[in-house]
Amino acid sequence: MTAHEQRVVRASLVVLWLGTAAVSLLELRGQSTALLAEAGIAAGPLADALVIAGSALDIVLGLWLWLRPGRTSAWLALAGMALMTSVATALLPALWLHPLGPLLKNLPVAALLWLLARSYAPGNKA
């Protein structure tokens, strides 16, 4: 992966994470709460805390990829995405079958993060 390709991939992932965080917080009492209600978690402090915690993780991952690019940020972003995907799968496994692919999209995101992490490996020229 060239340095330019690294920047493009990294920028798209930063926008994905920061955008997701913003939308989740903007929709805290809307779609975010509705999704948790489908999983059996009623609107209230627990639902708010779950959405805010997920958004905070999105912000941390997005900023880390943006401000501290490298293998560590890519691997941690992959781990964070895997964690959030696992939690979402446990709460609402039907999201894997959603026509817009809210969880399915994480497969190409994982591939991009893996490629990005490997592109920073010693011996790879960017």
Protein backbone atom coordinates (compact mmCIF):
# COMPACT_ATOMS: atom_id res chain seq x y z
CA MET A 1 0.00 0.00 0.00
CA THR A 2 1.46 3.37 -0.99
CA ALA A 3 1.58 6.32 1.39
CA HIS A 4 -1.22 7.96 -0.60
CA GLU A 5 -3.37 4.82 -0.37
CA GLN A 6 -2.71 4.68 3.40
CA ARG A 7 -3.93 8.26 3.76
CA VAL A 8 -7.09 7.60 1.70
CA VAL A 9 -7.96 4.42 3.60
CA ARG A 10 -7.18 6.02 6.95
CA ALA A 11 -9.23 9.14 6.13
CA SER A 12 -12.25 7.07 5.09
CA LEU A 13 -12.07 5.09 8.34
CA VAL A 14 -11.69 8.25 10.42
CA VAL A 15 -14.81 9.71 8.76
CA LEU A 16 -16.65 6.42 9.35
CA TRP A 17 -15.83 6.36 13.08
CA LEU A 18 -16.33 10.04 13.82
CA GLY A 19 -19.48 10.15 11.70
CA THR A 20 -20.91 7.09 13.43
CA ALA A 21 -20.20 8.64 16.82
CA ALA A 22 -21.90 11.89 15.85
CA VAL A 23 -24.97 10.17 14.40
CA SER A 24 -25.29 7.86 17.41
CA LEU A 25 -25.23 10.81 19.79
CA LEU A 26 -27.57 12.91 17.66
CA GLU A 27 -29.98 9.98 17.58
CA LEU A 28 -29.52 9.12 21.26
CA ARG A 29 -33.25 9.40 21.94
CA GLY A 30 -34.23 8.22 18.46
CA GLN A 31 -32.78 5.40 16.40
CA SER A 32 -30.08 4.54 18.93
CA THR A 33 -32.62 3.98 21.70
CA ALA A 34 -34.98 2.20 19.30
CA LEU A 35 -32.28 -0.31 18.37
CA LEU A 36 -31.56 -1.05 22.01
CA ALA A 37 -35.29 -1.38 22.69
CA GLU A 38 -35.43 -4.07 19.98
CA ALA A 39 -32.73 -5.88 21.97
CA GLY A 40 -34.82 -5.65 25.13
CA ILE A 41 -33.00 -2.71 26.72
CA ALA A 42 -35.56 -0.08 27.64
CA ALA A 43 -34.93 3.63 27.13
CA GLY A 44 -33.29 5.12 30.17
CA PRO A 45 -29.93 5.46 31.87
CA LEU A 46 -28.59 2.05 30.78
CA ALA A 47 -29.53 2.60 27.14
CA ASP A 48 -28.04 6.11 27.22
CA ALA A 49 -24.83 4.79 28.82
CA LEU A 50 -24.46 2.07 26.18
CA VAL A 51 -24.89 4.51 23.30
CA ILE A 52 -22.55 7.07 24.87
CA ALA A 53 -19.92 4.39 25.59
CA GLY A 54 -20.09 3.12 22.01
CA SER A 55 -19.84 6.67 20.69
CA ALA A 56 -16.90 7.40 22.96
CA LEU A 57 -15.10 4.33 21.62
CA ASP A 58 -15.86 5.46 18.06
CA ILE A 59 -14.40 8.90 18.83
CA VAL A 60 -11.27 7.46 20.43
CA LEU A 61 -10.67 5.07 17.53
CA GLY A 62 -11.33 7.75 14.90
CA LEU A 63 -9.06 10.30 16.55
CA TRP A 64 -6.35 7.74 17.17
CA LEU A 65 -6.32 6.67 13.53
CA TRP A 66 -6.24 10.31 12.48
CA LEU A 67 -3.67 11.69 14.90
CA ARG A 68 -1.45 8.67 15.58
CA PRO A 69 -1.42 6.59 12.39
CA GLY A 70 0.46 3.34 12.55
CA ARG A 71 0.24 -0.36 13.25
CA THR A 72 -0.97 0.10 16.82
CA SER A 73 -3.87 2.35 15.89
CA ALA A 74 -4.92 0.03 13.05
CA TRP A 75 -4.82 -3.11 15.22
CA LEU A 76 -6.66 -1.38 18.08
CA ALA A 77 -9.30 -0.10 15.66
CA LEU A 78 -9.72 -3.65 14.37
CA ALA A 79 -10.07 -4.94 17.94
CA GLY A 80 -12.57 -2.18 18.82
CA MET A 81 -14.62 -2.89 15.71
CA ALA A 82 -14.60 -6.62 16.52
CA LEU A 83 -15.74 -5.89 20.08
CA MET A 84 -18.59 -3.62 18.98
CA THR A 85 -19.61 -6.11 16.27
CA SER A 86 -19.67 -8.91 18.85
CA VAL A 87 -21.82 -6.88 21.24
CA ALA A 88 -24.20 -5.89 18.44
CA THR A 89 -24.39 -9.51 17.31
CA ALA A 90 -25.20 -10.67 20.84
CA LEU A 91 -27.89 -8.00 21.25
CA LEU A 92 -29.41 -8.05 17.75
CA PRO A 93 -28.15 -10.91 15.57
CA ALA A 94 -30.80 -10.02 12.98
CA LEU A 95 -28.70 -6.98 12.04
CA TRP A 96 -26.56 -9.39 9.97
CA LEU A 97 -29.61 -9.86 7.73
CA HIS A 98 -30.54 -6.17 7.48
CA PRO A 99 -30.69 -5.06 3.83
CA LEU A 100 -28.41 -2.06 4.47
CA GLY A 101 -25.80 -4.24 6.17
CA PRO A 102 -25.06 -2.41 9.44
CA LEU A 103 -22.92 -5.34 10.62
CA LEU A 104 -22.02 -6.88 7.28
CA LYS A 105 -20.14 -3.69 6.36
CA ASN A 106 -17.69 -4.47 9.14
CA LEU A 107 -16.17 -7.28 7.07
CA PRO A 108 -14.65 -4.92 4.47
CA VAL A 109 -13.76 -2.48 7.27
CA ALA A 110 -11.86 -5.32 8.97
CA ALA A 111 -10.07 -6.10 5.71
CA LEU A 112 -9.07 -2.45 5.27
CA LEU A 113 -7.78 -2.25 8.84
CA TRP A 114 -5.80 -5.46 8.40
CA LEU A 115 -4.25 -4.15 5.16
CA LEU A 116 -3.53 -0.80 6.80
CA ALA A 117 -1.85 -2.44 9.81
CA ARG A 118 0.27 -4.64 7.55
CA SER A 119 1.26 -1.67 5.40
CA TYR A 120 2.90 -0.13 8.47
CA ALA A 121 4.86 -3.32 9.19
CA PRO A 122 8.65 -3.09 9.17
CA GLY A 123 10.01 -3.76 5.73
CA ASN A 124 6.93 -2.49 3.89
CA LYS A 125 7.57 0.70 1.99
CA ALA A 126 4.75 3.22 1.89
